[in-house]
C-alpha atoms as a PDB file:
ATOM      1  CA  UNK A   1      -2.916 -10.650  22.407  1.00  0.00           C
ATOM      2  CA  UNK A   2      -2.886  -7.699  24.794  1.00  0.00           C
ATOM      3  CA  UNK A   3      -0.419  -4.914  24.185  1.00  0.00           C
ATOM      4  CA  UNK A   4       0.618  -2.004  26.358  1.00  0.00           C
ATOM      5  CA  UNK A   5      -0.120   1.568  25.363  1.00  0.00           C
ATOM      6  CA  UNK A   6       2.768   4.006  24.704  1.00  0.00           C
ATOM      7  CA  UNK A   7       4.516   5.279  27.846  1.00  0.00           C
ATOM      8  CA  UNK A   8       3.349   8.696  29.094  1.00  0.00           C
ATOM      9  CA  UNK A   9       4.888  11.394  31.304  1.00  0.00           C
ATOM     10  CA  UNK A  10       2.492  10.265  34.018  1.00  0.00           C
ATOM     11  CA  UNK A  11       3.913   6.720  33.857  1.00  0.00           C
ATOM     12  CA  UNK A  12       7.481   8.002  34.205  1.00  0.00           C
ATOM     13  CA  UNK A  13       6.524  10.291  37.086  1.00  0.00           C
ATOM     14  CA  UNK A  14       4.755   7.474  38.943  1.00  0.00           C
ATOM     15  CA  UNK A  15       7.744   5.135  38.653  1.00  0.00           C
ATOM     16  CA  UNK A  16      10.171   7.817  39.828  1.00  0.00           C
ATOM     17  CA  UNK A  17       7.890   9.016  42.613  1.00  0.00           C
ATOM     18  CA  UNK A  18       7.918  12.639  41.438  1.00  0.00           C
ATOM     19  CA  UNK A  19       5.426  14.994  39.801  1.00  0.00           C
ATOM     20  CA  UNK A  20       4.624  15.061  36.078  1.00  0.00           C
ATOM     21  CA  UNK A  21       5.881  18.645  35.885  1.00  0.00           C
ATOM     22  CA  UNK A  22       9.255  17.561  37.347  1.00  0.00           C
ATOM     23  CA  UNK A  23       9.626  14.886  34.675  1.00  0.00           C
ATOM     24  CA  UNK A  24       8.593  17.311  31.940  1.00  0.00           C
ATOM     25  CA  UNK A  25      11.093  19.967  33.078  1.00  0.00           C
ATOM     26  CA  UNK A  26      13.875  17.389  33.426  1.00  0.00           C
ATOM     27  CA  UNK A  27      13.374  16.215  29.850  1.00  0.00           C
ATOM     28  CA  UNK A  28      13.544  19.846  28.709  1.00  0.00           C
ATOM     29  CA  UNK A  29      16.818  20.394  30.641  1.00  0.00           C
ATOM     30  CA  UNK A  30      15.236  23.014  32.862  1.00  0.00           C
ATOM     31  CA  UNK A  31      17.768  24.684  35.231  1.00  0.00           C
ATOM     32  CA  UNK A  32      15.176  24.243  37.987  1.00  0.00           C
ATOM     33  CA  UNK A  33      15.896  20.491  38.039  1.00  0.00           C
ATOM     34  CA  UNK A  34      19.112  19.072  39.482  1.00  0.00           C
ATOM     35  CA  UNK A  35      21.611  17.127  37.373  1.00  0.00           C
ATOM     36  CA  UNK A  36      21.000  13.831  39.211  1.00  0.00           C
ATOM     37  CA  UNK A  37      17.221  14.000  38.703  1.00  0.00           C
ATOM     38  CA  UNK A  38      17.681  14.873  35.005  1.00  0.00           C
ATOM     39  CA  UNK A  39      19.913  11.845  34.620  1.00  0.00           C
ATOM     40  CA  UNK A  40      17.391   9.530  36.321  1.00  0.00           C
ATOM     41  CA  UNK A  41      14.494  10.835  34.252  1.00  0.00           C
ATOM     42  CA  UNK A  42      16.331  10.566  30.934  1.00  0.00           C
ATOM     43  CA  UNK A  43      17.611   7.067  31.683  1.00  0.00           C
ATOM     44  CA  UNK A  44      14.107   5.851  32.506  1.00  0.00           C
ATOM     45  CA  UNK A  45      12.628   7.600  29.449  1.00  0.00           C
ATOM     46  CA  UNK A  46      15.155   5.830  27.233  1.00  0.00           C
ATOM     47  CA  UNK A  47      14.585   2.502  28.934  1.00  0.00           C
ATOM     48  CA  UNK A  48      10.799   2.792  28.505  1.00  0.00           C
ATOM     49  CA  UNK A  49      11.108   4.086  24.924  1.00  0.00           C
ATOM     50  CA  UNK A  50       9.209   7.250  25.838  1.00  0.00           C
ATOM     51  CA  UNK A  51       8.413   9.689  23.022  1.00  0.00           C
ATOM     52  CA  UNK A  52       7.332  13.302  23.607  1.00  0.00           C
ATOM     53  CA  UNK A  53       3.717  14.039  22.742  1.00  0.00           C
ATOM     54  CA  UNK A  54       3.210  17.449  21.073  1.00  0.00           C
ATOM     55  CA  UNK A  55      -0.528  16.746  20.833  1.00  0.00           C
ATOM     56  CA  UNK A  56      -1.001  16.171  24.553  1.00  0.00           C
ATOM     57  CA  UNK A  57      -2.404  19.625  25.305  1.00  0.00           C
ATOM     58  CA  UNK A  58      -4.784  19.606  22.340  1.00  0.00           C
ATOM     59  CA  UNK A  59      -5.975  16.119  23.229  1.00  0.00           C
ATOM     60  CA  UNK A  60      -6.769  17.290  26.734  1.00  0.00           C
ATOM     61  CA  UNK A  61      -8.954  19.938  25.112  1.00  0.00           C
ATOM     62  CA  UNK A  62     -10.884  17.207  23.285  1.00  0.00           C
ATOM     63  CA  UNK A  63      -9.265  17.866  19.915  1.00  0.00           C
ATOM     64  CA  UNK A  64      -9.864  15.152  17.265  1.00  0.00           C
ATOM     65  CA  UNK A  65      -7.749  12.015  17.464  1.00  0.00           C
ATOM     66  CA  UNK A  66      -5.267  11.574  14.606  1.00  0.00           C
ATOM     67  CA  UNK A  67      -4.586   8.683  12.173  1.00  0.00           C
ATOM     68  CA  UNK A  68      -1.499   8.799   9.939  1.00  0.00           C
ATOM     69  CA  UNK A  69      -1.426   7.506   6.357  1.00  0.00           C
ATOM     70  CA  UNK A  70       1.593   6.726   4.151  1.00  0.00           C
ATOM     71  CA  UNK A  71       0.977   6.138   0.436  1.00  0.00           C
ATOM     72  CA  UNK A  72       3.415   5.816  -2.489  1.00  0.00           C
ATOM     73  CA  UNK A  73       1.855   8.871  -4.126  1.00  0.00           C
ATOM     74  CA  UNK A  74      -1.144  11.127  -3.588  1.00  0.00           C
ATOM     75  CA  UNK A  75      -1.854  11.983  -7.216  1.00  0.00           C
ATOM     76  CA  UNK A  76      -3.543   8.888  -8.633  1.00  0.00           C
ATOM     77  CA  UNK A  77      -7.258   8.283  -8.329  1.00  0.00           C
ATOM     78  CA  UNK A  78      -6.490   4.829  -6.910  1.00  0.00           C
ATOM     79  CA  UNK A  79      -4.912   6.162  -3.721  1.00  0.00           C
ATOM     80  CA  UNK A  80      -7.214   9.162  -3.387  1.00  0.00           C
ATOM     81  CA  UNK A  81     -10.252   6.869  -3.523  1.00  0.00           C
ATOM     82  CA  UNK A  82      -8.814   4.603  -0.823  1.00  0.00           C
ATOM     83  CA  UNK A  83      -8.006   7.660   1.306  1.00  0.00           C
ATOM     84  CA  UNK A  84     -11.623   8.811   0.884  1.00  0.00           C
ATOM     85  CA  UNK A  85     -12.843   5.539   2.372  1.00  0.00           C
ATOM     86  CA  UNK A  86     -10.363   5.839   5.239  1.00  0.00           C
ATOM     87  CA  UNK A  87     -11.299   9.447   5.904  1.00  0.00           C
ATOM     88  CA  UNK A  88     -15.064   8.836   5.988  1.00  0.00           C
ATOM     89  CA  UNK A  89     -14.757   6.004   8.509  1.00  0.00           C
ATOM     90  CA  UNK A  90     -12.242   7.996  10.575  1.00  0.00           C
ATOM     91  CA  UNK A  91     -14.464  11.067  10.785  1.00  0.00           C
ATOM     92  CA  UNK A  92     -17.517   9.027  11.753  1.00  0.00           C
ATOM     93  CA  UNK A  93     -15.476   7.772  14.698  1.00  0.00           C
ATOM     94  CA  UNK A  94     -14.101  11.152  15.799  1.00  0.00           C
ATOM     95  CA  UNK A  95     -10.696  10.906  14.094  1.00  0.00           C
ATOM     96  CA  UNK A  96      -8.858  13.139  11.662  1.00  0.00           C
ATOM     97  CA  UNK A  97      -6.198  11.987   9.202  1.00  0.00           C
ATOM     98  CA  UNK A  98      -2.721  13.145   8.192  1.00  0.00           C
ATOM     99  CA  UNK A  99      -1.618  12.038   4.698  1.00  0.00           C
ATOM    100  CA  UNK A 100       2.069  11.623   3.801  1.00  0.00           C
ATOM    101  CA  UNK A 101       3.740  10.270   0.654  1.00  0.00           C
ATOM    102  CA  UNK A 102       6.858   8.147   0.251  1.00  0.00           C
ATOM    103  CA  UNK A 103       7.035   8.954  -3.484  1.00  0.00           C
ATOM    104  CA  UNK A 104       7.984   5.278  -3.913  1.00  0.00           C
ATOM    105  CA  UNK A 105      11.224   5.865  -1.936  1.00  0.00           C
ATOM    106  CA  UNK A 106      12.328   3.631   0.938  1.00  0.00           C
ATOM    107  CA  UNK A 107      14.154   6.396   2.842  1.00  0.00           C
ATOM    108  CA  UNK A 108      11.204   8.767   2.531  1.00  0.00           C
ATOM    109  CA  UNK A 109       8.917   6.024   3.812  1.00  0.00           C
ATOM    110  CA  UNK A 110      11.062   5.733   6.939  1.00  0.00           C
ATOM    111  CA  UNK A 111      10.988   9.516   7.377  1.00  0.00           C
ATOM    112  CA  UNK A 112       7.210   9.624   6.999  1.00  0.00           C
ATOM    113  CA  UNK A 113       6.871   6.890   9.608  1.00  0.00           C
ATOM    114  CA  UNK A 114       9.152   8.703  12.052  1.00  0.00           C
ATOM    115  CA  UNK A 115       7.281  11.968  11.542  1.00  0.00           C
ATOM    116  CA  UNK A 116       3.926  10.354  12.243  1.00  0.00           C
ATOM    117  CA  UNK A 117       5.215   8.534  15.326  1.00  0.00           C
ATOM    118  CA  UNK A 118       6.840  11.699  16.664  1.00  0.00           C
ATOM    119  CA  UNK A 119       3.575  13.630  16.511  1.00  0.00           C
ATOM    120  CA  UNK A 120       1.939  10.711  18.309  1.00  0.00           C
ATOM    121  CA  UNK A 121      -0.761   9.672  15.875  1.00  0.00           C
ATOM    122  CA  UNK A 122      -2.883   6.946  17.429  1.00  0.00           C
ATOM    123  CA  UNK A 123      -2.448   4.563  14.517  1.00  0.00           C
ATOM    124  CA  UNK A 124      -0.883   4.338  11.068  1.00  0.00           C
ATOM    125  CA  UNK A 125      -2.033   3.003   7.681  1.00  0.00           C
ATOM    126  CA  UNK A 126       0.634   2.125   5.082  1.00  0.00           C
ATOM    127  CA  UNK A 127       1.024   1.034   1.462  1.00  0.00           C
ATOM    128  CA  UNK A 128       4.666   0.058   0.871  1.00  0.00           C
ATOM    129  CA  UNK A 129       6.939   1.920  -1.520  1.00  0.00           C
ATOM    130  CA  UNK A 130       8.357   0.008  -4.484  1.00  0.00           C
ATOM    131  CA  UNK A 131      11.864   0.304  -3.015  1.00  0.00           C
ATOM    132  CA  UNK A 132      11.039  -1.208   0.369  1.00  0.00           C
ATOM    133  CA  UNK A 133      12.760  -4.542   1.000  1.00  0.00           C
ATOM    134  CA  UNK A 134      13.788  -4.083   4.647  1.00  0.00           C
ATOM    135  CA  UNK A 135      10.869  -3.986   7.082  1.00  0.00           C
ATOM    136  CA  UNK A 136      12.753  -3.246  10.298  1.00  0.00           C
ATOM    137  CA  UNK A 137      11.162   0.220  10.639  1.00  0.00           C
ATOM    138  CA  UNK A 138       7.752  -1.472  10.849  1.00  0.00           C
ATOM    139  CA  UNK A 139       9.004  -4.137  13.235  1.00  0.00           C
ATOM    140  CA  UNK A 140      10.099  -1.305  15.515  1.00  0.00           C
ATOM    141  CA  UNK A 141       6.504  -0.037  15.569  1.00  0.00           C
ATOM    142  CA  UNK A 142       5.343  -3.503  16.523  1.00  0.00           C
ATOM    143  CA  UNK A 143       7.741  -3.481  19.484  1.00  0.00           C
ATOM    144  CA  UNK A 144       6.458  -0.032  20.488  1.00  0.00           C
ATOM    145  CA  UNK A 145       2.825  -1.217  20.399  1.00  0.00           C
ATOM    146  CA  UNK A 146       1.762   1.364  17.835  1.00  0.00           C
ATOM    147  CA  UNK A 147      -1.287   0.141  15.843  1.00  0.00           C
ATOM    148  CA  UNK A 148      -0.567  -0.242  12.121  1.00  0.00           C
ATOM    149  CA  UNK A 149      -2.470  -1.711   9.164  1.00  0.00           C
ATOM    150  CA  UNK A 150      -1.149  -2.288   5.628  1.00  0.00           C
ATOM    151  CA  UNK A 151      -3.133  -2.172   2.415  1.00  0.00           C
ATOM    152  CA  UNK A 152      -2.454  -3.324  -1.160  1.00  0.00           C
ATOM    153  CA  UNK A 153       1.349  -3.684  -0.881  1.00  0.00           C
ATOM    154  CA  UNK A 154       1.879  -5.476   2.381  1.00  0.00           C
ATOM    155  CA  UNK A 155       4.469  -7.252   4.575  1.00  0.00           C
ATOM    156  CA  UNK A 156       4.882  -8.902   7.998  1.00  0.00           C
ATOM    157  CA  UNK A 157       1.445 -10.490   7.844  1.00  0.00           C
ATOM    158  CA  UNK A 158       2.153 -12.456  11.014  1.00  0.00           C
ATOM    159  CA  UNK A 159       2.413  -9.195  12.957  1.00  0.00           C
ATOM    160  CA  UNK A 160       0.127  -6.707  11.185  1.00  0.00           C
ATOM    161  CA  UNK A 161      -3.355  -6.762   9.722  1.00  0.00           C
ATOM    162  CA  UNK A 162      -3.814  -5.905   6.054  1.00  0.00           C
ATOM    163  CA  UNK A 163      -6.397  -5.247   3.365  1.00  0.00           C
ATOM    164  CA  UNK A 164      -5.710  -6.565  -0.129  1.00  0.00           C
ATOM    165  CA  UNK A 165      -7.494  -7.499  -3.332  1.00  0.00           C
ATOM    166  CA  UNK A 166      -7.908 -11.038  -4.648  1.00  0.00           C
ATOM    167  CA  UNK A 167      -4.684 -10.687  -6.638  1.00  0.00           C
ATOM    168  CA  UNK A 168      -4.240 -14.307  -7.717  1.00  0.00           C
ATOM    169  CA  UNK A 169      -7.854 -14.947  -8.688  1.00  0.00           C
ATOM    170  CA  UNK A 170      -8.300 -11.631 -10.519  1.00  0.00           C
ATOM    171  CA  UNK A 171      -5.138 -12.145 -12.586  1.00  0.00           C
ATOM    172  CA  UNK A 172      -6.333 -15.642 -13.472  1.00  0.00           C
ATOM    173  CA  UNK A 173      -9.693 -14.281 -14.633  1.00  0.00           C
ATOM    174  CA  UNK A 174      -8.064 -11.552 -16.723  1.00  0.00           C
ATOM    175  CA  UNK A 175      -5.768 -14.084 -18.415  1.00  0.00           C
ATOM    176  CA  UNK A 176      -8.619 -16.508 -19.068  1.00  0.00           C
ATOM    177  CA  UNK A 177     -10.632 -13.643 -20.566  1.00  0.00           C
ATOM    178  CA  UNK A 178      -7.863 -13.147 -23.121  1.00  0.00           C
ATOM    179  CA  UNK A 179      -7.829 -16.838 -24.006  1.00  0.00           C
ATOM    180  CA  UNK A 180     -11.616 -17.054 -24.309  1.00  0.00           C
ATOM    181  CA  UNK A 181     -11.784 -14.034 -26.632  1.00  0.00           C
ATOM    182  CA  UNK A 182      -9.275 -15.061 -29.261  1.00  0.00           C
ATOM    183  CA  UNK A 183      -5.788 -14.358 -27.845  1.00  0.00           C
ATOM    184  CA  UNK A 184      -3.166 -17.134 -28.030  1.00  0.00           C
ATOM    185  CA  UNK A 185       0.072 -15.742 -26.536  1.00  0.00           C
ATOM    186  CA  UNK A 186      -0.389 -13.645 -23.399  1.00  0.00           C
ATOM    187  CA  UNK A 187       2.441 -11.510 -22.040  1.00  0.00           C
ATOM    188  CA  UNK A 188       2.679 -10.126 -18.510  1.00  0.00           C
ATOM    189  CA  UNK A 189       4.165  -6.794 -17.408  1.00  0.00           C
ATOM    190  CA  UNK A 190       4.654  -6.447 -13.658  1.00  0.00           C
ATOM    191  CA  UNK A 191       6.583  -4.456 -11.078  1.00  0.00           C
ATOM    192  CA  UNK A 192       9.542  -5.364  -8.872  1.00  0.00           C
ATOM    193  CA  UNK A 193       9.537  -9.078  -8.046  1.00  0.00           C
ATOM    194  CA  UNK A 194      10.116  -8.562  -4.298  1.00  0.00           C
ATOM    195  CA  UNK A 195       6.649  -7.006  -3.905  1.00  0.00           C
ATOM    196  CA  UNK A 196       4.035  -9.474  -2.687  1.00  0.00           C
ATOM    197  CA  UNK A 197       1.414  -7.947  -4.974  1.00  0.00           C
ATOM    198  CA  UNK A 198       3.614  -8.639  -8.029  1.00  0.00           C
ATOM    199  CA  UNK A 199       4.256 -12.227  -6.977  1.00  0.00           C
ATOM    200  CA  UNK A 200       0.549 -12.918  -6.524  1.00  0.00           C
ATOM    201  CA  UNK A 201      -0.650 -11.372  -9.773  1.00  0.00           C
ATOM    202  CA  UNK A 202       2.120 -13.080 -11.720  1.00  0.00           C
ATOM    203  CA  UNK A 203       1.177 -16.353 -10.023  1.00  0.00           C
ATOM    204  CA  UNK A 204      -2.455 -15.909 -11.110  1.00  0.00           C
ATOM    205  CA  UNK A 205      -1.385 -15.244 -14.700  1.00  0.00           C
ATOM    206  CA  UNK A 206       0.887 -18.301 -14.768  1.00  0.00           C
ATOM    207  CA  UNK A 207      -1.731 -20.514 -13.129  1.00  0.00           C
ATOM    208  CA  UNK A 208      -4.280 -19.583 -15.801  1.00  0.00           C
ATOM    209  CA  UNK A 209      -1.804 -20.642 -18.484  1.00  0.00           C
ATOM    210  CA  UNK A 210      -1.158 -23.949 -16.694  1.00  0.00           C
ATOM    211  CA  UNK A 211      -4.879 -24.626 -16.274  1.00  0.00           C
ATOM    212  CA  UNK A 212      -5.352 -24.111 -20.019  1.00  0.00           C
ATOM    213  CA  UNK A 213      -2.336 -26.301 -20.863  1.00  0.00           C
ATOM    214  CA  UNK A 214      -0.427 -23.418 -22.431  1.00  0.00           C
ATOM    215  CA  UNK A 215       3.378 -23.643 -22.144  1.00  0.00           C
ATOM    216  CA  UNK A 216       4.946 -20.996 -19.921  1.00  0.00           C
ATOM    217  CA  UNK A 217       7.519 -18.885 -21.743  1.00  0.00           C
ATOM    218  CA  UNK A 218       9.771 -16.791 -19.503  1.00  0.00           C
ATOM    219  CA  UNK A 219      10.437 -14.262 -22.257  1.00  0.00           C
ATOM    220  CA  UNK A 220       6.757 -13.239 -22.159  1.00  0.00           C
ATOM    221  CA  UNK A 221       7.098 -12.072 -18.536  1.00  0.00           C
ATOM    222  CA  UNK A 222       8.660  -8.655 -17.898  1.00  0.00           C
ATOM    223  CA  UNK A 223       8.885  -7.508 -14.266  1.00  0.00           C
ATOM    224  CA  UNK A 224      10.896  -4.453 -13.309  1.00  0.00           C
ATOM    225  CA  UNK A 225       9.105  -1.397 -11.914  1.00  0.00           C
ATOM    226  CA  UNK A 226       5.599   0.044 -11.752  1.00  0.00           C
ATOM    227  CA  UNK A 227       5.185   3.108 -13.968  1.00  0.00           C
ATOM    228  CA  UNK A 228       4.241   4.403 -17.419  1.00  0.00           C
ATOM    229  CA  UNK A 229       7.775   4.483 -18.829  1.00  0.00           C
ATOM    230  CA  UNK A 230       8.438   0.920 -17.683  1.00  0.00           C
ATOM    231  CA  UNK A 231       5.224  -0.231 -19.351  1.00  0.00           C
ATOM    232  CA  UNK A 232       6.348   1.412 -22.581  1.00  0.00           C
ATOM    233  CA  UNK A 233       9.826  -0.126 -22.393  1.00  0.00           C
ATOM    234  CA  UNK A 234       8.474  -3.551 -21.450  1.00  0.00           C
ATOM    235  CA  UNK A 235       5.940  -3.644 -24.286  1.00  0.00           C
ATOM    236  CA  UNK A 236       8.615  -2.594 -26.787  1.00  0.00           C
ATOM    237  CA  UNK A 237      10.778  -5.483 -25.600  1.00  0.00           C
ATOM    238  CA  UNK A 238       7.909  -7.987 -25.763  1.00  0.00           C
ATOM    239  CA  UNK A 239       6.809  -6.850 -29.216  1.00  0.00           C
ATOM    240  CA  UNK A 240      10.400  -7.142 -30.479  1.00  0.00           C
ATOM    241  CA  UNK A 241      10.518 -10.861 -29.721  1.00  0.00           C
ATOM    242  CA  UNK A 242      10.731 -13.235 -32.716  1.00  0.00           C
ATOM    243  CA  UNK A 243       7.339 -14.582 -31.618  1.00  0.00           C
ATOM    244  CA  UNK A 244       5.682 -11.648 -29.805  1.00  0.00           C
ATOM    245  CA  UNK A 245       2.552 -11.833 -27.645  1.00  0.00           C
ATOM    246  CA  UNK A 246      -0.850 -11.037 -29.101  1.00  0.00           C
ATOM    247  CA  UNK A 247      -2.144  -9.948 -25.666  1.00  0.00           C
ATOM    248  CA  UNK A 248      -0.595  -8.148 -22.696  1.00  0.00           C
ATOM    249  CA  UNK A 249      -1.729  -8.037 -19.072  1.00  0.00           C
ATOM    250  CA  UNK A 250      -0.322  -5.004 -17.267  1.00  0.00           C
ATOM    251  CA  UNK A 251      -0.494  -5.344 -13.494  1.00  0.00           C
ATOM    252  CA  UNK A 252      -1.315  -1.628 -13.155  1.00  0.00           C
ATOM    253  CA  UNK A 253      -3.042   0.820 -15.475  1.00  0.00           C
ATOM    254  CA  UNK A 254       0.110   2.925 -15.733  1.00  0.00           C
ATOM    255  CA  UNK A 255       1.963  -0.099 -17.135  1.00  0.00           C
ATOM    256  CA  UNK A 256      -0.925  -0.778 -19.526  1.00  0.00           C
ATOM    257  CA  UNK A 257      -1.000   2.853 -20.733  1.00  0.00           C
ATOM    258  CA  UNK A 258       2.738   2.668 -21.417  1.00  0.00           C
ATOM    259  CA  UNK A 259       2.188  -0.574 -23.329  1.00  0.00           C
ATOM    260  CA  UNK A 260      -0.568   1.084 -25.336  1.00  0.00           C
ATOM    261  CA  UNK A 261       1.902   3.709 -26.566  1.00  0.00           C
ATOM    262  CA  UNK A 262       4.401   1.036 -27.648  1.00  0.00           C
ATOM    263  CA  UNK A 263       1.704  -0.924 -29.486  1.00  0.00           C
ATOM    264  CA  UNK A 264       0.596   2.159 -31.394  1.00  0.00           C
ATOM    265  CA  UNK A 265       4.154   3.078 -32.352  1.00  0.00           C
ATOM    266  CA  UNK A 266       4.350  -0.231 -34.214  1.00  0.00           C
ATOM    267  CA  UNK A 267       1.113   0.593 -36.046  1.00  0.00           C
ATOM    268  CA  UNK A 268      -0.567  -2.380 -34.425  1.00  0.00           C
ATOM    269  CA  UNK A 269      -4.277  -2.407 -33.636  1.00  0.00           C
ATOM    270  CA  UNK A 270      -5.783  -2.865 -30.178  1.00  0.00           C
ATOM    271  CA  UNK A 271      -7.232  -5.488 -29.643  1.00  0.00           C
ATOM    272  CA  UNK A 272      -7.061  -7.061 -33.120  1.00  0.00           C
ATOM    273  CA  UNK A 273      -3.250  -7.361 -33.157  1.00  0.00           C
ATOM    274  CA  UNK A 274      -2.486  -6.986 -29.451  1.00  0.00           C
ATOM    275  CA  UNK A 275      -5.222  -7.197 -26.814  1.00  0.00           C
ATOM    276  CA  UNK A 276      -4.643  -5.270 -23.590  1.00  0.00           C
ATOM    277  CA  UNK A 277      -5.852  -5.341 -19.978  1.00  0.00           C
ATOM    278  CA  UNK A 278      -4.817  -3.056 -17.115  1.00  0.00           C
ATOM    279  CA  UNK A 279      -5.200  -3.211 -13.347  1.00  0.00           C
ATOM    280  CA  UNK A 280      -6.798  -0.900 -10.737  1.00  0.00           C
ATOM    281  CA  UNK A 281      -9.010   0.874 -13.317  1.00  0.00           C
ATOM    282  CA  UNK A 282      -7.899   4.493 -13.090  1.00  0.00           C
ATOM    283  CA  UNK A 283     -10.408   7.070 -14.300  1.00  0.00           C
ATOM    284  CA  UNK A 284      -8.456   7.458 -17.566  1.00  0.00           C
ATOM    285  CA  UNK A 285      -9.241   3.854 -18.540  1.00  0.00           C
ATOM    286  CA  UNK A 286     -12.602   4.872 -19.966  1.00  0.00           C
ATOM    287  CA  UNK A 287     -11.205   7.901 -21.813  1.00  0.00           C
ATOM    288  CA  UNK A 288      -8.431   6.314 -23.911  1.00  0.00           C
ATOM    289  CA  UNK A 289      -9.066   4.863 -27.364  1.00  0.00           C
ATOM    290  CA  UNK A 290      -9.992   2.091 -27.277  1.00  0.00           C
ATOM    291  CA  UNK A 291     -11.357   2.149 -23.721  1.00  0.00           C
ATOM    292  CA  UNK A 292      -9.153  -0.071 -21.554  1.00  0.00           C
ATOM    293  CA  UNK A 293     -10.441  -3.313 -20.095  1.00  0.00           C
ATOM    294  CA  UNK A 294      -9.275  -3.305 -16.480  1.00  0.00           C
ATOM    295  CA  UNK A 295      -9.373  -5.257 -13.255  1.00  0.00           C
ATOM    296  CA  UNK A 296     -11.364  -2.827 -11.132  1.00  0.00           C
ATOM    297  CA  UNK A 297     -10.426  -2.430  -7.481  1.00  0.00           C
ATOM    298  CA  UNK A 298     -13.175  -1.544  -5.045  1.00  0.00           C
ATOM    299  CA  UNK A 299     -10.936   1.172  -3.669  1.00  0.00           C
ATOM    300  CA  UNK A 300     -13.414   2.977  -1.437  1.00  0.00           C
ATOM    301  CA  UNK A 301     -14.330  -0.329   0.236  1.00  0.00           C
ATOM    302  CA  UNK A 302     -10.623  -1.061   0.707  1.00  0.00           C
ATOM    303  CA  UNK A 303     -10.223   2.262   2.503  1.00  0.00           C
ATOM    304  CA  UNK A 304     -13.236   1.613   4.720  1.00  0.00           C
ATOM    305  CA  UNK A 305     -12.027  -1.884   5.648  1.00  0.00           C
ATOM    306  CA  UNK A 306      -8.503  -0.632   6.386  1.00  0.00           C
ATOM    307  CA  UNK A 307      -9.668   2.122   8.731  1.00  0.00           C
ATOM    308  CA  UNK A 308     -12.103  -0.175  10.537  1.00  0.00           C
ATOM    309  CA  UNK A 309      -9.274  -2.629  11.218  1.00  0.00           C
ATOM    310  CA  UNK A 310      -7.038   0.126  12.535  1.00  0.00           C
ATOM    311  CA  UNK A 311      -9.747   1.520  14.841  1.00  0.00           C
ATOM    312  CA  UNK A 312     -10.289  -1.979  16.211  1.00  0.00           C
ATOM    313  CA  UNK A 313      -6.584  -2.203  17.047  1.00  0.00           C
ATOM    314  CA  UNK A 314      -6.567   1.286  18.589  1.00  0.00           C
ATOM    315  CA  UNK A 315      -9.454   0.168  20.803  1.00  0.00           C
ATOM    316  CA  UNK A 316      -7.272  -2.655  22.135  1.00  0.00           C
ATOM    317  CA  UNK A 317      -8.097  -5.661  19.932  1.00  0.00           C
ATOM    318  CA  UNK A 318      -4.733  -6.669  18.452  1.00  0.00           C
ATOM    319  CA  UNK A 319      -5.833  -9.876  16.719  1.00  0.00           C
ATOM    320  CA  UNK A 320      -4.249  -9.928  13.254  1.00  0.00           C
ATOM    321  CA  UNK A 321      -6.637 -10.089  10.292  1.00  0.00           C
ATOM    322  CA  UNK A 322      -6.102 -10.284   6.531  1.00  0.00           C
ATOM    323  CA  UNK A 323      -9.108  -8.879   4.679  1.00  0.00           C
ATOM    324  CA  UNK A 324      -9.596  -9.558   0.955  1.00  0.00           C
ATOM    325  CA  UNK A 325     -11.761  -7.185  -1.099  1.00  0.00           C
ATOM    326  CA  UNK A 326     -12.750  -8.829  -4.429  1.00  0.00           C
ATOM    327  CA  UNK A 327     -11.946  -7.205  -7.787  1.00  0.00           C
ATOM    328  CA  UNK A 328     -14.270  -6.884 -10.774  1.00  0.00           C
ATOM    329  CA  UNK A 329     -13.164  -7.388 -14.403  1.00  0.00           C
ATOM    330  CA  UNK A 330     -14.551  -4.378 -16.293  1.00  0.00           C
ATOM    331  CA  UNK A 331     -14.593  -5.462 -19.936  1.00  0.00           C
ATOM    332  CA  UNK A 332     -14.279  -2.671 -22.493  1.00  0.00           C
ATOM    333  CA  UNK A 333     -12.960  -2.561 -26.061  1.00  0.00           C
ATOM    334  CA  UNK A 334      -9.239  -3.274 -25.612  1.00  0.00           C
ATOM    335  CA  UNK A 335      -9.278  -6.981 -24.793  1.00  0.00           C
ATOM    336  CA  UNK A 336     -11.549  -9.062 -27.056  1.00  0.00           C
ATOM    337  CA  UNK A 337     -10.483 -10.176 -30.516  1.00  0.00           C
ATOM    338  CA  UNK A 338     -13.778 -12.039 -30.883  1.00  0.00           C
ATOM    339  CA  UNK A 339     -16.711  -9.645 -31.155  1.00  0.00           C
END
């Protein structure tokens, strides 16, 4: 599907039959421009959804093109590795990147998006915040023909391309690994249920139980929020059940690390009493004791694939694609009861 590029000063000037400088001065309320002309220019600018372009001069001087990125945080190795993949592909194609963080807040995500649009980046890459349930700010970008690609936590897949992991299949494999190595009752700790990534990983976990004819017990599933403290609280709740799990799948490493603390506080052994698997495979996974079995994301490849999709859209190909980058189960010492 062909889409129009953002409206420029030149477009406005052509439609009004005046010079670009006249339009520019009118939008700046220059006293050199009459009131009637200012009114005509501003009405047309609003009608055409024109946005000022602070980078116009630098672009004319062949400055690098800009891609904007919004991530939930910029501290974890997971996001920094994905950004590295994005950055390397961007630079090879003459683009620079601007990184912003929503800090997992919906309102900050909207602000980041507005900031990037206002400085006229040529395209935007986004991983949703945990709070985001309303996607109207992204739908607005679609209407404005601004290229955008999601990764990991995604939405509006009918309108925007995305890059994800094989969430269902990887969660199934992790759960089956528990069952094949001596665990009987597997618990699941996830994030907020409205997130697509949570739904898919939970689905994979539940499907593995069904395939192995193990009854599904709702009390073994704890989904609230992604984070260390939630993992700790969730594991405490699961381990306090009359019939607690002897294995826990945390859908992120931060949840698994929190669970590890709760398991230790009860003087339980990992994996003999409670086996444990995390997700994303942060660098700390190999440093904890015992080393954490984790579903490893190929983060750098995810970043590369995301940027390549965005550059394709910037070049004018707006066909929507959903790219899946497979995960790898990295087995360490925290998950197998059978040696």
